[in-house]
Every structure is written in C-alpha cells, then in structure tokens.
Amino acid sequence: MTTHARNEWDLDRRSLLGGGLALGGAAAATMLTGAHPAMAATGPRPEPTLVVTDLTGEAIQAAIDGLPPAGGTVQLVDGTYVIGTSVVLRSGCTLVGASRSGTILQLAPSAGAHVVVNADVANGNPNITVQSLTIDGNRAQQGAARNIDGIYLTRCSTVVLDDLETHDCVRTGCALTGEGVITRVGRVSNLYSHNNGYDGINAYHAMREMIYTNLTCDLNGNNGFDLGHSEGVINGVQCNRNAVDGFRINSDYSMQVHGVTADLNGRHGIALLALIDSVGSGWNAHNNGQRIAGADVFWDGGVITYGISDHTVVTGVACGPVHVSTWGDPYPTRTTSETYGMSFASNIVSNIAVLGVYNSGGKLGRYQLPPASSSSKLLIVEHEPGTPDFRIVRGNLDIGGGDLSHAAGGKVGFFGAAPAAKPTVTGKASTQPALKSLVTALAQLGLVTNKTT
C-alpha cells in the first residue's frame, strides 16, 4: 500500500485491527483477499489484518502465508507462542504483538533456528515491520547450537523494528546485515536486548541510512551494540555490563552518534575502530575495563577497510574514573589495573577533535595519547575536574586573525613550561631603547606588570 493511499484512507496498520479476522492454526491460510470488510471499498485498499489466537509458531506462519501478495498485518494476542521453526517474514509483512510484555515468542527446546527471519536472503525483503513483542531465545535449552539469533534479517530495506525485547538468544538478540549489498533505510527503536550469548544488537555490512534510537543493551556475552561498515544516525543508546565492549563502531562513516552511555563493560565502554566523517555528542562512559585492560573511550584503526578514524568531531564526553565492580558475576574481579579514561591507538589518529571532555579519573594520566605527528591532527579540550576552566590536552592553538584574551588571575605556560602567574618586572628602568621598548611591549600584551622606575 502506498503512502498516498494510506493517507487517503486516514488509516495505519494498527487502526485496522478492530476489523481483523481472528484465525488460529491453518485456518489463517484460507483467508481470501476480499474477506476484510474494508477491502470492499473502491479506490486504494488498506492492507488486511489477520489476528492469531493459536499460541504456536505454525499458526503465526499460516497467517503470514495467508496474506495477499502485497502483504498485510499479522496481529498476535497476548500469550507465549512456542516457536519450533523460524517465523519467516516476506515483503510488506507486519508482525505485531498486543504488548511487549505480554506477547512472547519463545524458541522451543533444541529448535536450533532463528526465531524471526526474512524469506529472500539473496535479494532481501522490503517493508518488513516487527513491533510490540518479546523474543525469548530460550538459550538454556538449545543444546550445542551456536548460530541462533532472535531476529535475523538479511538485505531488508525500509525495515522497522520497534517496541521489542530480545533476550537469552544463543548468539545475538537482533542482527541486521546487508551482506555486502547496499541496503537502505530502516529504523530500530525502543529495543531492549539483554542476556544474549553474543551481541545484544549487531548491524553489519552496508546497512545505510538507518536510524537507531532508544536502545538498551545489557549483560550480553560479547558486545552490547556493534555497528560495522555502515552509516546512519544513533540517538540514545545505553550499553552496560556487557562482557567485552559496550558500544562498538567498526569502519562506519557519515555517522551521527548522540547520547551514548556505556558503563561497567568488560573492556571498552565506547570502542571506535574507524569513525570517519562523523559527528558525535553527549557520550558518557565510566567504570569500564571490568574484565581486561581497556578504556572508557577507545579510538583505534587496526582492522580498517575504508580508512582510519578521521575527520570526526565529538562534543561533550564524560569518562572515568576506574572502579572495580562490586556487584559480582559476571565480573567478580578485574585482573588488570590499567584502564584509561580515553585512549588512542598510536598509529591511527588523523584529524579528530574531542571537545568539552570531563575526565574524572583513569590511570596513567587519564589519557593514552599517540605521538605527535605532522601528518595528523588531534585536538582534545578538557574540562579540568574541580575547576571552571578548560585546557588543551593535545592540539595547537591558531587564532587566525581573531582576538585572544586571558582571564585575570589565571596562569599561562608556553612550549611546555609550567603555567605561571603574570610576572612583574622591577628594578631601575633601562636607558637602552631596545630593552625599554621590550618591557613596554610586554606590559601592553599583559604578559608582565611593569613596575620599573
């Protein structure tokens, strides 16, 4: 159904549920295209809705298969649906539960299959929506199976995943991939992914023009949120207590990354393995490195495909201090003692600006900085804890025709000298014109106080 048609009918997918057909089991497959009352109207037709009341995966699949070729909505009532084989979504299909807390798709013991997948993995399926339900991967009863995800969608464009919970999956709670084929447009929002064996959310290989918002990834066995070789907008992500990295970027470009919180993760809080031509703001990362040495915010470039971390500006970063978790499993102890507030791999810094950093702790001077290089520019401006001032941790200052003033009472140091208060020149004034002119000029610049006589 086209956007124009939907607007003309003033209907959306959820508004049709009141007139949907309540079907259970194989009965869903007998639904005819004209059976929905709204379909008798002339002009553009709203998509049909089938309501499933039989709490089995077979009933869900029968309803999906019973939709017309253009697709439609399968509405699930609250209850726990036992999923023996994957629920397969095709183009134009919406799978929606009655509520996230009440509609549960639970993988059957030893099922050995993803819970929800798309039909055409070679070409992808556009216009898929999954909404308002929970996926329970039932990891404890899957035996030796390894590659089982809650949601696994391949090359699906204009996909919407909203108001979901995915937990206890053998591998990843929610996995999206373009498999090297550019896959455009989608939204993942209001998703809570936790206690999965590998990642909470994983989106990789050519997922472009995506929006990720209001996501929580907690207590996963690898990374919380892992986004690679893609582009998009991220706004509002919490990644806490994951076994390796909380929030991980790998070879992504043209990104907007706003509002990321990453605390108490096993290694890095925010790990950036090539973030290119991107902007970020509002990053908070504290008490990471709970398992192995790491950093609250880590910049690297060791496995780069598209280039090094480059041409990126981030404003407003809070990181540190180091703190060993006392809440026990899965990180009862931390075997290493060196965790940084912010760390840069020595060979990758190019043109990066990190402005407005508040670094409240971390060992070894809070930062691990690369050697200065004429071929790369790194600027870090830090808010010094306990003071209202900012300082340049790394970078050069070039006013470029502007005006520079320094507050009275502050200290200044040049070329590595310790900052000092403004000196006072005393004694008898020189009769030599050059020395007299020098003292006068320094006083005019405010660098000295002239009290010569």
Protein backbone atom coordinates (compact mmCIF):
# COMPACT_ATOMS: atom_id res chain seq x y z
CA MET A 1 0.00 0.00 0.00
CA THR A 2 1.41 3.39 -0.93
CA THR A 3 1.91 6.28 1.48
CA HIS A 4 -0.59 8.30 -0.54
CA ALA A 5 -3.17 5.55 -0.25
CA ARG A 6 -2.67 5.23 3.49
CA ASN A 7 -3.08 8.96 3.99
CA GLU A 8 -6.19 8.99 1.82
CA TRP A 9 -7.87 6.33 3.94
CA ASP A 10 -6.56 8.03 7.12
CA LEU A 11 -5.62 4.61 8.40
CA ASP A 12 -2.46 2.94 9.60
CA ARG A 13 -1.71 -0.67 10.23
CA ARG A 14 -2.80 -0.65 13.84
CA SER A 15 -6.14 1.12 13.17
CA LEU A 16 -7.32 -1.84 11.12
CA LEU A 17 -7.09 -4.34 13.93
CA GLY A 18 -10.66 -3.85 15.08
CA GLY A 19 -11.97 -5.35 11.85
CA GLY A 20 -9.33 -8.06 11.53
CA LEU A 21 -10.07 -11.74 11.14
CA ALA A 22 -9.42 -13.86 14.23
CA LEU A 23 -7.73 -17.02 12.99
CA GLY A 24 -5.92 -19.90 14.61
CA GLY A 25 -3.68 -22.59 13.13
CA ALA A 26 -4.06 -23.46 9.46
CA ALA A 27 -7.33 -21.55 9.23
CA ALA A 28 -5.33 -18.41 8.57
CA ALA A 29 -4.24 -19.78 5.20
CA THR A 30 -7.83 -19.90 3.96
CA MET A 31 -8.34 -16.13 4.22
CA LEU A 32 -9.39 -14.55 0.93
CA THR A 33 -8.19 -11.15 -0.23
CA GLY A 34 -11.71 -9.73 -0.24
CA ALA A 35 -12.68 -11.08 3.18
CA HIS A 36 -11.70 -7.99 5.14
CA PRO A 37 -14.69 -5.56 5.32
CA ALA A 38 -12.56 -2.59 4.37
CA MET A 39 -11.44 -4.29 1.19
CA ALA A 40 -14.89 -3.92 -0.36
CA ALA A 41 -14.46 -0.17 -0.68
CA THR A 42 -13.50 1.31 -4.02
CA GLY A 43 -10.24 3.13 -4.57
CA PRO A 44 -6.96 2.42 -2.74
CA ARG A 45 -7.24 -0.54 -0.39
CA PRO A 46 -5.81 -0.64 3.13
CA GLU A 47 -3.76 -3.69 3.89
CA PRO A 48 -5.62 -6.61 5.54
CA THR A 49 -5.09 -7.80 9.10
CA LEU A 50 -5.19 -11.36 10.45
CA VAL A 51 -5.45 -11.96 14.19
CA VAL A 52 -3.75 -15.09 15.52
CA THR A 53 -5.11 -16.66 18.72
CA ASP A 54 -3.48 -20.12 18.49
CA LEU A 55 -0.26 -19.83 20.54
CA THR A 56 2.02 -21.69 18.12
CA GLY A 57 4.61 -20.74 15.58
CA GLU A 58 2.74 -22.73 12.98
CA ALA A 59 -0.31 -20.51 13.44
CA ILE A 60 1.77 -17.39 13.00
CA GLN A 61 3.35 -18.74 9.82
CA ALA A 62 0.00 -19.82 8.41
CA ALA A 63 -1.33 -16.31 8.90
CA ILE A 64 1.71 -14.78 7.18
CA ASP A 65 1.37 -17.20 4.28
CA GLY A 66 -2.34 -16.39 4.06
CA LEU A 67 -1.81 -12.69 3.44
CA PRO A 68 -2.25 -11.45 -0.13
CA PRO A 69 0.89 -10.97 -2.27
CA ALA A 70 1.09 -7.27 -1.40
CA GLY A 71 1.36 -8.14 2.30
CA GLY A 72 -0.54 -7.06 5.36
CA THR A 73 -0.54 -7.31 9.15
CA VAL A 74 -0.49 -10.35 11.39
CA GLN A 75 -1.74 -9.37 14.85
CA LEU A 76 -0.83 -11.57 17.81
CA VAL A 77 -2.84 -11.67 21.01
CA ASP A 78 -1.00 -11.75 24.34
CA GLY A 79 0.43 -15.12 25.31
CA THR A 80 3.56 -17.26 24.91
CA TYR A 81 3.92 -18.68 21.39
CA VAL A 82 6.15 -21.77 21.11
CA ILE A 83 8.38 -21.40 18.03
CA GLY A 84 9.64 -24.73 16.66
CA THR A 85 10.90 -23.40 13.32
CA SER A 86 11.71 -19.85 12.22
CA VAL A 87 8.88 -17.42 11.59
CA VAL A 88 9.54 -16.28 8.01
CA LEU A 89 8.51 -12.76 7.01
CA ARG A 90 8.04 -11.72 3.41
CA SER A 91 7.85 -8.31 1.76
CA GLY A 92 5.17 -5.97 3.00
CA CYS A 93 4.55 -8.02 6.14
CA THR A 94 3.95 -6.58 9.61
CA LEU A 95 4.14 -8.81 12.66
CA VAL A 96 2.76 -7.01 15.71
CA GLY A 97 2.00 -8.16 19.22
CA ALA A 98 -0.60 -6.88 21.64
CA SER A 99 2.12 -5.68 24.04
CA ARG A 100 5.84 -6.06 24.51
CA SER A 101 5.48 -7.56 27.96
CA GLY A 102 2.59 -9.86 27.12
CA THR A 103 3.27 -11.19 23.61
CA ILE A 104 6.21 -13.61 23.80
CA LEU A 105 7.78 -15.69 21.03
CA GLN A 106 9.73 -18.41 22.84
CA LEU A 107 12.05 -20.74 20.94
CA ALA A 108 11.19 -24.38 21.57
CA PRO A 109 13.85 -26.58 23.24
CA SER A 110 16.51 -27.81 20.78
CA ALA A 111 14.83 -25.92 17.92
CA GLY A 112 18.21 -24.82 16.54
CA ALA A 113 16.75 -21.97 14.45
CA HIS A 114 16.50 -18.18 14.44
CA VAL A 115 13.19 -17.03 15.86
CA VAL A 116 12.32 -14.47 13.13
CA VAL A 117 13.92 -14.28 9.66
CA ASN A 118 13.08 -12.89 6.22
CA ALA A 119 12.18 -15.06 3.27
CA ASP A 120 14.54 -13.89 0.49
CA VAL A 121 18.12 -13.74 1.78
CA ALA A 122 19.54 -13.24 -1.72
CA ASN A 123 17.52 -10.14 -2.65
CA GLY A 124 16.09 -9.05 0.68
CA ASN A 125 12.51 -8.20 1.58
CA PRO A 126 11.39 -4.55 1.75
CA ASN A 127 8.77 -3.10 4.09
CA ILE A 128 9.04 -5.54 6.98
CA THR A 129 7.87 -4.46 10.44
CA VAL A 130 8.15 -6.28 13.78
CA GLN A 131 6.58 -4.47 16.70
CA SER A 132 5.40 -4.75 20.32
CA LEU A 133 6.54 -8.21 21.35
CA THR A 134 9.30 -10.11 23.16
CA ILE A 135 11.58 -12.77 21.76
CA ASP A 136 12.87 -15.34 24.25
CA GLY A 137 15.70 -17.35 22.72
CA ASN A 138 15.48 -19.99 25.45
CA ARG A 139 19.26 -20.33 25.35
CA ALA A 140 19.49 -22.77 28.26
CA GLN A 141 17.54 -25.42 26.31
CA GLN A 142 19.20 -25.17 22.90
CA GLY A 143 21.92 -27.74 23.49
CA ALA A 144 25.11 -27.32 21.48
CA ALA A 145 23.57 -24.99 18.87
CA ARG A 146 25.68 -21.90 18.20
CA ASN A 147 24.35 -19.71 15.38
CA ILE A 148 20.88 -18.84 16.65
CA ASP A 149 19.65 -15.25 16.77
CA GLY A 150 16.40 -13.75 17.96
CA ILE A 151 15.82 -11.61 14.85
CA TYR A 152 17.99 -12.16 11.78
CA LEU A 153 17.18 -10.05 8.72
CA THR A 154 19.30 -10.06 5.55
CA ARG A 155 19.31 -7.25 2.96
CA CYS A 156 15.96 -5.90 4.14
CA SER A 157 15.30 -2.26 3.23
CA THR A 158 12.71 0.03 4.84
CA VAL A 159 12.61 -2.28 7.83
CA VAL A 160 11.06 -1.16 11.14
CA LEU A 161 11.82 -2.85 14.46
CA ASP A 162 10.07 -1.08 17.33
CA ASP A 163 8.96 -1.67 20.91
CA LEU A 164 10.76 -5.01 21.26
CA GLU A 165 12.67 -7.07 23.79
CA THR A 166 15.11 -9.80 22.81
CA HIS A 167 16.80 -11.92 25.45
CA ASP A 168 18.52 -15.24 26.13
CA CYS A 169 19.34 -15.93 22.49
CA VAL A 170 22.22 -18.30 21.81
CA ARG A 171 24.01 -15.72 19.68
CA THR A 172 22.61 -12.20 19.03
CA GLY A 173 19.33 -10.70 20.11
CA CYS A 174 18.82 -8.66 16.94
CA ALA A 175 21.03 -9.00 13.85
CA LEU A 176 20.76 -6.99 10.62
CA THR A 177 23.07 -7.40 7.65
CA GLY A 178 23.35 -6.15 4.10
CA GLU A 179 25.80 -8.98 3.31
CA GLY A 180 27.85 -6.58 1.23
CA VAL A 181 24.85 -5.32 -0.78
CA ILE A 182 23.87 -1.72 -0.04
CA THR A 183 20.68 -1.92 2.00
CA ARG A 184 18.94 1.38 2.55
CA VAL A 185 16.55 2.92 5.06
CA GLY A 186 15.31 1.45 8.28
CA ARG A 187 14.59 2.17 11.92
CA VAL A 188 15.41 0.25 15.08
CA SER A 189 13.82 1.88 18.13
CA ASN A 190 12.73 1.13 21.67
CA LEU A 191 14.59 -2.17 21.77
CA TYR A 192 15.86 -3.82 24.98
CA SER A 193 18.33 -6.63 24.24
CA HIS A 194 19.90 -8.43 27.16
CA ASN A 195 21.45 -11.67 28.42
CA ASN A 196 22.21 -12.94 24.92
CA GLY A 197 25.17 -15.23 24.33
CA TYR A 198 26.95 -12.89 21.90
CA ASP A 199 25.85 -9.34 20.96
CA GLY A 200 22.73 -7.51 22.00
CA ILE A 201 22.34 -5.74 18.63
CA ASN A 202 24.56 -6.31 15.61
CA ALA A 203 24.18 -4.40 12.31
CA TYR A 204 26.84 -5.01 9.68
CA HIS A 205 27.87 -4.77 6.04
CA ALA A 206 26.22 -1.97 4.08
CA MET A 207 23.29 -1.04 6.31
CA ARG A 208 22.86 2.58 5.24
CA GLU A 209 20.51 5.44 6.07
CA MET A 210 19.45 3.69 9.26
CA ILE A 211 18.13 5.28 12.45
CA TYR A 212 18.83 3.70 15.83
CA THR A 213 17.11 5.30 18.80
CA ASN A 214 16.27 4.47 22.42
CA LEU A 215 18.19 1.20 22.66
CA THR A 216 19.37 -0.68 25.75
CA CYS A 217 21.92 -3.50 25.58
CA ASP A 218 22.72 -5.09 28.92
CA LEU A 219 24.59 -8.18 30.15
CA ASN A 220 25.34 -9.66 26.73
CA GLY A 221 28.16 -12.16 26.29
CA ASN A 222 30.19 -10.11 23.78
CA ASN A 223 29.35 -6.53 22.76
CA GLY A 224 26.25 -4.55 23.58
CA PHE A 225 25.68 -2.72 20.28
CA ASP A 226 28.05 -3.47 17.37
CA LEU A 227 27.67 -1.44 14.15
CA GLY A 228 30.07 -2.02 11.26
CA HIS A 229 30.69 -0.98 7.65
CA SER A 230 27.53 1.12 7.61
CA GLU A 231 26.14 4.60 8.14
CA GLY A 232 23.23 6.14 9.97
CA VAL A 233 22.00 8.15 12.92
CA ILE A 234 22.24 6.95 16.52
CA ASN A 235 20.43 8.81 19.26
CA GLY A 236 20.00 7.44 22.75
CA VAL A 237 21.84 4.16 23.45
CA GLN A 238 22.68 2.56 26.80
CA CYS A 239 25.20 -0.29 26.81
CA ASN A 240 26.06 -1.53 30.28
CA ARG A 241 27.63 -4.64 31.82
CA ASN A 242 28.42 -6.38 28.54
CA ALA A 243 31.30 -8.87 28.57
CA VAL A 244 33.56 -7.12 26.02
CA ASP A 245 32.73 -3.67 24.56
CA GLY A 246 29.60 -1.74 25.36
CA PHE A 247 29.13 0.35 22.20
CA ARG A 248 31.32 -0.56 19.23
CA ILE A 249 31.82 1.17 15.86
CA ASN A 250 33.81 -0.58 13.12
CA SER A 251 34.56 1.21 9.83
CA ASP A 252 31.49 3.45 9.80
CA TYR A 253 31.18 6.80 8.06
CA SER A 254 28.84 9.78 7.80
CA MET A 255 27.51 8.91 11.24
CA GLN A 256 25.69 10.99 13.82
CA VAL A 257 26.28 9.43 17.24
CA HIS A 258 24.46 11.23 20.04
CA GLY A 259 23.61 10.27 23.58
CA VAL A 260 25.65 7.11 24.25
CA THR A 261 26.06 5.73 27.78
CA ALA A 262 28.45 2.82 28.39
CA ASP A 263 29.26 1.74 31.94
CA LEU A 264 30.75 -1.32 33.64
CA ASN A 265 31.59 -3.19 30.44
CA GLY A 266 34.29 -5.86 30.36
CA ARG A 267 36.76 -4.00 28.11
CA HIS A 268 35.98 -0.69 26.39
CA GLY A 269 32.92 1.38 27.06
CA ILE A 270 32.85 3.11 23.65
CA ALA A 271 35.15 1.47 21.09
CA LEU A 272 35.73 3.30 17.80
CA LEU A 273 37.56 1.30 15.14
CA ALA A 274 37.43 3.89 12.37
CA LEU A 275 34.75 6.53 12.69
CA ILE A 276 35.02 8.64 9.55
CA ASP A 277 33.46 11.97 8.53
CA SER A 278 31.16 11.84 11.52
CA VAL A 279 29.92 13.91 14.46
CA GLY A 280 29.01 12.94 17.98
CA SER A 281 27.83 14.47 21.23
CA GLY A 282 26.79 13.54 24.74
CA TRP A 283 28.95 10.48 25.42
CA ASN A 284 29.13 9.10 28.97
CA ALA A 285 31.41 6.17 29.73
CA HIS A 286 32.54 5.17 33.22
CA ASN A 287 33.97 2.23 35.13
CA ASN A 288 34.75 0.07 32.11
CA GLY A 289 37.64 -2.41 31.90
CA GLN A 290 35.94 -4.70 34.37
CA ARG A 291 37.49 -7.83 32.85
CA ILE A 292 40.56 -6.77 30.88
CA ALA A 293 42.53 -3.58 30.31
CA GLY A 294 40.57 -1.08 28.25
CA ALA A 295 39.35 2.48 28.05
CA ASP A 296 36.11 4.27 28.66
CA VAL A 297 36.50 5.77 25.16
CA PHE A 298 38.91 4.00 22.78
CA TRP A 299 39.96 5.08 19.27
CA ASP A 300 41.65 2.53 17.04
CA GLY A 301 42.17 1.59 13.42
CA GLY A 302 43.64 -1.89 13.36
CA VAL A 303 41.04 -3.61 11.18
CA ILE A 304 40.08 -0.78 8.88
CA THR A 305 38.57 -1.28 5.45
CA TYR A 306 37.64 2.28 4.46
CA GLY A 307 40.36 4.23 6.23
CA ILE A 308 41.45 5.35 9.68
CA SER A 309 39.41 7.27 12.21
CA ASP A 310 39.38 10.66 10.54
CA HIS A 311 37.53 13.97 10.13
CA THR A 312 35.35 13.43 13.18
CA VAL A 313 34.26 15.94 15.83
CA VAL A 314 32.77 14.92 19.16
CA THR A 315 31.49 17.35 21.79
CA GLY A 316 30.66 16.65 25.39
CA VAL A 317 32.40 13.48 26.61
CA ALA A 318 32.42 12.33 30.24
CA CYS A 319 34.68 9.42 31.14
CA GLY A 320 36.41 7.80 34.13
CA PRO A 321 37.12 7.05 36.87
CA VAL A 322 38.20 3.43 37.11
CA HIS A 323 36.14 1.40 39.51
CA VAL A 324 36.07 -2.35 40.07
CA SER A 325 32.54 -3.66 40.16
CA THR A 326 31.33 -5.00 43.48
CA TRP A 327 28.07 -6.49 42.25
CA GLY A 328 29.69 -9.80 41.34
CA ASP A 329 29.04 -12.10 38.42
CA PRO A 330 29.74 -11.84 35.53
CA TYR A 331 32.73 -9.68 36.57
CA PRO A 332 33.61 -10.57 40.13
CA THR A 333 37.23 -9.43 39.73
CA ARG A 334 39.29 -7.42 37.29
CA THR A 335 42.67 -8.99 36.51
CA THR A 336 44.35 -5.86 35.14
CA SER A 337 44.95 -2.47 36.70
CA GLU A 338 45.37 -0.12 33.74
CA THR A 339 42.22 1.39 32.32
CA TYR A 340 42.19 4.81 30.67
CA GLY A 341 39.56 7.47 30.57
CA MET A 342 40.35 7.93 26.84
CA SER A 343 42.85 6.01 24.74
CA PHE A 344 44.12 6.44 21.16
CA ALA A 345 45.97 3.76 19.24
CA SER A 346 49.36 5.17 18.33
CA ASN A 347 49.17 4.71 14.56
CA ILE A 348 45.70 5.90 13.63
CA VAL A 349 44.97 9.45 14.70
CA SER A 350 44.28 11.71 11.75
CA ASN A 351 42.01 14.74 12.08
CA ILE A 352 39.94 14.30 15.23
CA ALA A 353 38.59 16.88 17.66
CA VAL A 354 37.17 15.88 21.04
CA LEU A 355 35.82 18.98 22.73
CA GLY A 356 34.45 19.53 26.21
CA VAL A 357 35.85 16.38 27.81
CA TYR A 358 35.23 15.85 31.51
CA ASN A 359 37.66 13.15 32.55
CA SER A 360 37.25 12.36 36.21
CA GLY A 361 39.78 9.56 36.53
CA GLY A 362 41.67 6.70 34.95
CA LYS A 363 45.23 5.61 35.45
CA LEU A 364 48.40 6.82 33.76
CA GLY A 365 47.34 10.42 33.47
CA ARG A 366 43.79 9.55 32.39
CA TYR A 367 44.78 9.54 28.67
CA GLN A 368 46.86 7.30 26.47
CA LEU A 369 47.84 9.65 23.66
CA PRO A 370 49.68 8.81 20.44
CA PRO A 371 52.93 10.52 19.50
CA ALA A 372 52.50 13.92 17.89
CA SER A 373 52.62 13.71 14.11
CA SER A 374 52.71 16.38 11.43
CA SER A 375 50.50 14.18 9.25
CA SER A 376 47.65 14.02 11.74
CA LYS A 377 45.87 16.47 13.99
CA LEU A 378 44.35 15.55 17.34
CA LEU A 379 42.66 18.18 19.46
CA ILE A 380 41.38 17.40 22.94
CA VAL A 381 39.92 20.17 25.04
CA GLU A 382 39.27 19.05 28.61
CA HIS A 383 37.28 20.49 31.46
CA GLU A 384 39.68 20.20 34.37
CA PRO A 385 37.94 18.46 37.29
CA GLY A 386 37.40 20.79 40.21
CA THR A 387 37.86 23.98 38.20
CA PRO A 388 35.61 26.00 35.90
CA ASP A 389 38.29 26.13 33.21
CA PHE A 390 39.14 24.14 30.11
CA ARG A 391 42.58 23.13 28.96
CA ILE A 392 44.03 21.82 25.72
CA VAL A 393 45.30 18.30 26.34
CA ARG A 394 46.62 17.85 22.81
CA GLY A 395 46.50 20.19 19.85
CA ASN A 396 47.78 23.51 18.55
CA LEU A 397 46.16 26.90 19.03
CA ASP A 398 45.86 29.12 15.96
CA ILE A 399 43.74 32.23 16.38
CA GLY A 400 43.91 33.07 12.69
CA GLY A 401 43.14 36.79 12.84
CA GLY A 402 40.86 36.62 15.88
CA ASP A 403 41.29 38.09 19.33
CA LEU A 404 42.58 36.17 22.32
CA SER A 405 42.17 37.26 25.93
CA HIS A 406 43.03 35.50 29.16
CA ALA A 407 41.16 35.99 32.40
CA ALA A 408 42.85 37.94 35.17
CA GLY A 409 44.45 35.75 37.81
CA GLY A 410 44.97 32.77 35.50
CA LYS A 411 48.25 31.12 34.65
CA VAL A 412 49.96 30.68 31.29
CA GLY A 413 52.81 28.45 30.14
CA PHE A 414 54.43 28.30 26.70
CA PHE A 415 56.23 25.45 24.92
CA GLY A 416 55.85 23.01 27.79
CA ALA A 417 56.78 25.40 30.58
CA ALA A 418 54.78 25.06 33.79
CA PRO A 419 51.88 27.54 33.84
CA ALA A 420 52.75 30.59 35.92
CA ALA A 421 51.03 33.77 37.04
CA LYS A 422 51.81 37.00 35.25
CA PRO A 423 55.36 38.09 36.24
CA THR A 424 56.28 41.53 37.49
CA VAL A 425 59.36 43.38 36.19
CA THR A 426 61.02 45.57 38.80
CA GLY A 427 64.26 47.47 39.22
CA LYS A 428 65.66 50.51 37.52
CA ALA A 429 64.40 51.15 34.01
CA SER A 430 67.00 50.63 31.32
CA THR A 431 68.33 53.57 29.42
CA GLN A 432 68.78 51.33 26.39
CA PRO A 433 65.93 51.99 23.91
CA ALA A 434 65.57 48.32 22.91
CA LEU A 435 65.20 46.93 26.44
CA LYS A 436 62.89 49.79 27.44
CA SER A 437 60.73 49.13 24.36
CA LEU A 438 60.65 45.38 25.13
CA VAL A 439 59.39 45.87 28.69
CA THR A 440 56.77 48.35 27.47
CA ALA A 441 55.60 45.98 24.74
CA LEU A 442 55.33 43.00 27.14
CA ALA A 443 53.31 45.13 29.53
CA GLN A 444 50.97 46.18 26.72
CA LEU A 445 50.38 42.50 25.89
CA GLY A 446 49.61 41.80 29.52
CA LEU A 447 52.46 39.32 29.85
CA VAL A 448 54.25 41.30 32.55
CA THR A 449 53.46 44.01 35.05
CA ASN A 450 55.86 46.92 34.55
CA LYS A 451 56.99 48.35 37.89
CA THR A 452 60.35 49.58 36.79
CA THR A 453 61.46 53.01 37.90
